[in-house]
Every structure is written in C-alpha cells, then in structure tokens.
C-alpha cells in the first residue's frame, strides 16, 4: 500500500521536483503547502503518512511547524529538506527529534528515497 506524502515548501519548483522524484515509487503526494501555517491546517485534514518540510518559509518556519506538529501528533513522520547545511541548523532539527532525517537541497533522489524509507519503517513500527 502506498504511503501518503504532504510536501511543505514555499518554492513551487521544489514542490514540483519532489513530486517528480516520487513518480513510480510507493509514495503518493496528497497535498502541497507553501507555509508552516498551511501545513498545520492541512495535516489535520489530510493526515498524511509523511511530511517533507522546508525550513525557511514566510510566516511559521519549518522548525516551528515541525515542533507544533510533533507536539499534537507525535506519530507524524517528518523529513526536513533544506539548503541550510549549517551545524546549528542540523542541531535544531536534532533537538526536535533524533529521528528526523535531514535531506539537503539540491535533492539527490537516492538520499531522499532512503530518508522516505527510514521514516516509513519508523511509522510502521509505531
């Protein structure tokens, strides 16, 4: 059975790229969001298996959106996707949860699929 994905990124180019990477896989995009606020609302409605979350977005950023999402839905599967390759950024992500994969932009399909499988496996064990 396919796992459902919600893509959260303010860039339509990145959202389209992620959707293309998922074609022909066991993952199905059910919703796309441009902001953390939209993601929090859409998660309640869509209940996706996995959320891909950009960090830098207008309004609520991806770190804060992930923190709020995990507070209310600790079972949520989240993958952080960002071009911010700084140690402090990775530290902030690890403080949210030691299980959150971090995928760097530009996205390499093999790393992205590996992160999806890791999160998918973790969800299946919950």
Protein backbone atom coordinates (compact mmCIF):
# COMPACT_ATOMS: atom_id res chain seq x y z
CA UNK A 1 0.00 0.00 0.00
CA UNK A 2 1.30 3.44 -0.94
CA UNK A 3 2.32 5.88 1.77
CA UNK A 4 0.88 9.39 1.52
CA UNK A 5 3.10 12.47 1.41
CA UNK A 6 2.44 16.14 2.10
CA UNK A 7 5.06 18.48 0.63
CA UNK A 8 5.70 21.73 2.53
CA UNK A 9 7.91 24.24 0.71
CA UNK A 10 7.39 27.84 -0.36
CA UNK A 11 9.08 27.11 -3.71
CA UNK A 12 6.84 25.68 -6.42
CA UNK A 13 9.99 24.48 -8.17
CA UNK A 14 11.00 22.37 -5.17
CA UNK A 15 7.46 21.06 -4.68
CA UNK A 16 7.36 20.01 -8.34
CA UNK A 17 10.83 18.45 -8.07
CA UNK A 18 9.81 16.35 -5.07
CA UNK A 19 6.61 15.27 -6.81
CA UNK A 20 8.64 14.19 -9.85
CA UNK A 21 11.09 12.25 -7.68
CA UNK A 22 8.16 10.29 -6.23
CA UNK A 23 6.69 9.21 -9.56
CA UNK A 24 6.79 5.43 -9.88
CA UNK A 25 7.50 4.89 -6.15
CA UNK A 26 5.37 3.59 -3.29
CA UNK A 27 4.74 7.18 -2.18
CA UNK A 28 1.80 9.31 -3.29
CA UNK A 29 1.63 13.11 -2.92
CA UNK A 30 -1.75 14.01 -1.41
CA UNK A 31 -1.21 17.70 -0.68
CA UNK A 32 1.24 20.55 -1.18
CA UNK A 33 1.67 23.56 1.13
CA UNK A 34 3.54 26.85 0.83
CA UNK A 35 3.86 27.69 4.54
CA UNK A 36 4.03 26.28 8.02
CA UNK A 37 0.58 27.66 8.83
CA UNK A 38 -0.94 25.96 5.80
CA UNK A 39 0.85 22.71 6.69
CA UNK A 40 -0.56 22.66 10.22
CA UNK A 41 -4.10 23.16 8.92
CA UNK A 42 -3.72 20.68 6.06
CA UNK A 43 -2.22 17.98 8.28
CA UNK A 44 -5.39 17.88 10.38
CA UNK A 45 -7.46 17.39 7.25
CA UNK A 46 -5.21 15.16 5.14
CA UNK A 47 -3.46 13.05 7.83
CA UNK A 48 -0.52 12.15 5.53
CA UNK A 49 1.89 9.39 6.49
CA UNK A 50 4.94 11.60 5.84
CA UNK A 51 5.57 15.35 5.63
CA UNK A 52 8.53 16.84 3.77
CA UNK A 53 9.27 20.16 5.50
CA UNK A 54 11.36 23.04 4.22
CA UNK A 55 12.93 25.24 6.91
CA UNK A 56 12.92 28.77 5.51
CA UNK A 57 9.37 29.86 4.65
CA UNK A 58 7.34 33.00 5.24
CA UNK A 59 5.38 33.05 8.49
CA UNK A 60 5.91 29.96 10.63
CA UNK A 61 9.19 28.35 9.55
CA UNK A 62 9.67 24.62 9.12
CA UNK A 63 11.34 24.11 12.50
CA UNK A 64 8.46 25.72 14.39
CA UNK A 65 5.84 24.00 12.21
CA UNK A 66 7.52 20.63 12.84
CA UNK A 67 7.67 21.33 16.59
CA UNK A 68 3.94 22.13 16.69
CA UNK A 69 3.06 19.19 14.50
CA UNK A 70 5.01 16.73 16.66
CA UNK A 71 3.51 18.20 19.84
CA UNK A 72 -0.02 17.35 18.68
CA UNK A 73 0.88 14.34 16.51
CA UNK A 74 4.00 12.60 17.88
CA UNK A 75 3.42 9.81 15.36
CA UNK A 76 3.93 12.21 12.41
CA UNK A 77 6.68 11.23 10.01
CA UNK A 78 8.69 14.30 9.03
CA UNK A 79 11.65 14.75 6.71
CA UNK A 80 13.41 18.12 6.84
CA UNK A 81 14.54 19.33 3.43
CA UNK A 82 16.72 22.43 3.26
CA UNK A 83 19.67 24.12 1.61
CA UNK A 84 20.81 25.30 5.07
CA UNK A 85 23.74 22.98 5.63
CA UNK A 86 24.91 24.61 8.86
CA UNK A 87 25.75 22.71 12.02
CA UNK A 88 23.36 24.88 14.05
CA UNK A 89 20.50 24.07 11.65
CA UNK A 90 21.15 20.36 11.98
CA UNK A 91 21.34 20.82 15.77
CA UNK A 92 17.91 22.50 15.79
CA UNK A 93 16.48 19.59 13.81
CA UNK A 94 18.04 17.05 16.19
CA UNK A 95 16.56 18.91 19.17
CA UNK A 96 13.09 18.39 17.65
CA UNK A 97 13.65 14.67 17.34
CA UNK A 98 16.68 12.49 16.86
CA UNK A 99 14.69 10.51 14.27
CA UNK A 100 14.13 13.32 11.77
CA UNK A 101 16.07 12.77 8.57
CA UNK A 102 17.67 15.84 7.00
CA UNK A 103 17.88 15.96 3.20
CA UNK A 104 19.93 18.72 1.59
CA UNK A 105 18.95 20.75 -1.45
CA UNK A 106 19.62 20.17 -4.26
CA UNK A 107 17.84 16.90 -3.54
CA UNK A 108 19.59 13.71 -4.56
CA UNK A 109 16.99 11.06 -5.32
CA UNK A 110 18.89 8.21 -3.62
CA UNK A 111 19.23 10.14 -0.32
CA UNK A 112 15.62 11.29 -0.50
CA UNK A 113 14.25 7.79 -1.10
CA UNK A 114 16.48 6.45 1.70
CA UNK A 115 15.03 9.06 4.09
CA UNK A 116 11.48 8.20 2.99
CA UNK A 117 12.08 4.50 3.62
CA UNK A 118 13.59 5.24 7.05
CA UNK A 119 10.58 7.32 8.09
CA UNK A 120 8.17 4.84 6.54
CA UNK A 121 9.75 1.98 8.52
CA UNK A 122 9.61 4.01 11.74
CA UNK A 123 5.93 4.77 11.16
CA UNK A 124 5.16 1.11 10.54
CA UNK A 125 6.74 0.20 13.90
CA UNK A 126 4.57 2.67 15.86
